[in-house]
Protein backbone atom coordinates (compact mmCIF):
# COMPACT_ATOMS: atom_id res chain seq x y z
CA MET A 1 -33.88 -1.79 -7.90
CA THR A 2 -30.68 -0.74 -9.25
CA ALA A 3 -28.71 -2.81 -11.84
CA ASP A 4 -25.32 -4.31 -10.52
CA ILE A 5 -22.17 -2.30 -11.38
CA LYS A 6 -19.43 -4.50 -12.80
CA ALA A 7 -15.74 -3.63 -12.78
CA GLU A 8 -12.81 -5.25 -13.65
CA SER A 9 -8.77 -5.12 -13.03
CA THR A 10 -5.86 -6.90 -13.94
CA LEU A 11 -3.45 -8.47 -11.90
CA THR A 12 0.43 -7.55 -12.58
CA ASP A 13 3.25 -9.79 -12.53
CA ARG A 14 3.60 -9.06 -8.77
CA TYR A 15 -0.16 -10.13 -7.92
CA GLN A 16 -0.90 -6.36 -7.62
CA THR A 17 -4.00 -4.56 -8.96
CA THR A 18 -5.62 -1.34 -8.89
CA VAL A 19 -9.04 -1.04 -7.21
CA PRO A 20 -11.32 0.31 -9.89
CA GLU A 21 -12.88 3.74 -9.27
CA PRO A 22 -16.53 2.42 -9.19
CA VAL A 23 -15.54 0.15 -6.25
CA ARG A 24 -13.40 3.00 -4.35
CA ARG A 25 -16.32 5.06 -4.57
CA ALA A 26 -18.97 2.44 -3.41
CA LEU A 27 -16.73 1.56 -0.73
CA LYS A 28 -15.53 5.16 0.01
CA LEU A 29 -11.96 4.05 0.02
CA GLY A 30 -9.19 6.56 0.08
CA LYS A 31 -5.27 6.17 -0.07
CA ARG A 32 -4.00 3.80 2.50
CA ASP A 33 -7.51 2.55 3.49
CA LYS A 34 -7.51 -1.24 4.12
CA ILE A 35 -9.93 -3.86 2.37
CA ARG A 36 -11.12 -6.99 3.71
CA TYR A 37 -11.59 -10.16 1.56
CA SER A 38 -14.37 -12.50 2.66
CA ILE A 39 -14.11 -15.85 0.88
CA ARG A 40 -17.41 -17.77 0.74
CA PRO A 41 -17.62 -21.60 0.46
CA ASN A 42 -19.05 -21.40 -3.18
CA GLY A 43 -15.93 -19.41 -4.22
CA GLN A 44 -17.20 -15.99 -4.39
CA VAL A 45 -14.99 -13.16 -2.88
CA VAL A 46 -16.65 -10.25 -1.05
CA ILE A 47 -14.59 -7.09 -0.88
CA THR A 48 -15.71 -4.64 1.89
CA ARG A 49 -14.14 -1.73 3.55
CA ALA A 50 -12.00 -2.76 6.69
CA ASP A 51 -12.61 0.02 9.06
CA VAL A 52 -10.24 0.62 11.72
CA GLU A 53 -12.03 0.93 15.04
CA GLN A 54 -11.80 4.37 16.67
CA GLY A 55 -9.39 4.45 19.32
CA ASN A 56 -7.77 1.30 18.24
CA ASP A 57 -4.65 2.25 16.23
CA PRO A 58 -2.54 -0.96 16.04
CA VAL A 59 0.86 1.38 15.90
CA LEU A 60 -0.30 3.31 18.93
CA GLY A 61 -1.30 0.30 20.84
CA GLU A 62 2.36 -1.07 20.16
CA PHE A 63 3.75 2.09 21.45
CA LEU A 64 1.62 2.36 24.47
CA GLY A 65 2.43 -1.21 25.43
CA PHE A 66 5.95 -0.33 24.88
CA LEU A 67 5.66 2.46 27.22
CA ALA A 68 3.88 0.46 29.85
CA ARG A 69 6.31 -2.39 29.84
CA ASP A 70 9.12 0.15 30.33
CA ILE A 71 7.48 2.07 33.25
CA ALA A 72 6.69 -1.11 35.17
CA ALA A 73 10.22 -2.49 34.47
CA HIS A 74 11.97 1.00 35.28
CA PRO A 75 9.63 2.87 37.33
CA ARG A 76 12.50 5.20 38.53
CA ARG A 77 13.21 6.48 35.27
CA LEU A 78 10.25 8.39 35.36
CA GLN A 79 10.46 12.19 35.74
CA SER A 80 8.05 15.23 36.01
CA VAL A 81 7.94 17.70 33.07
CA ASP A 82 8.97 20.92 35.09
CA ALA A 83 7.70 24.33 33.93
CA ALA A 84 10.78 25.42 32.05
CA LEU A 85 10.62 22.27 29.94
CA ALA A 86 6.96 22.71 29.27
CA LYS A 87 7.18 26.53 28.33
CA ARG A 88 9.96 25.66 26.09
CA ILE A 89 8.03 22.97 24.11
CA GLN A 90 5.06 25.25 23.98
CA SER A 91 7.40 28.03 22.64
CA LEU A 92 8.46 25.59 19.97
CA VAL A 93 5.26 24.24 18.88
CA GLY A 94 2.53 26.89 20.15
CA GLU A 95 1.95 28.68 17.13
CA VAL A 96 1.84 25.75 14.56
CA GLU A 97 -1.59 25.00 13.20
CA VAL A 98 -2.24 21.73 12.00
CA ASP A 99 -5.24 20.53 9.79
CA PHE A 100 -5.43 16.81 10.23
CA ASP A 101 -8.27 16.50 7.69
CA ALA A 102 -6.14 18.35 4.73
CA ALA A 103 -5.02 16.16 1.95
CA LEU A 104 -1.08 15.46 1.86
CA SER A 105 0.78 17.07 -0.93
CA ALA A 106 2.09 14.80 -3.71
CA ASP A 107 5.73 14.97 -1.79
CA ASP A 108 4.37 14.07 1.54
CA GLU A 109 2.57 10.86 0.05
C-alpha cells in the first residue's frame, strides 16, 4: 500500500488557487480541463477530474440547437452547396494540415 500524497495551495484575494503539480498529475489534468468538487456530509471535499463526455460538447450542442431551431423556423432559407462553391472551399483549405493533438503556442493560449 502506498502512502498518501499531500499537497497544499493558497487562496488568492480573489479565491483562486493553483492546483498543485502532484494533484494535476494524479488526475491527469491539462490546461482548460474541468475539476469536479464533491462535498461529503462530514465536510470532506473530494476533487476529481470532470470528464466531458465524448460527443457532448456543450458549445457544439448549443450551436446545433440554434441551427435546428433556425431550420425549423425558416426552412425556405436552406440552400444546397453547389459544386463551384464546394470547389472554392476546397481550394482555400484543401492543403492545410492540422494536428489537433499538438500543443498550442504561448500566443494561442
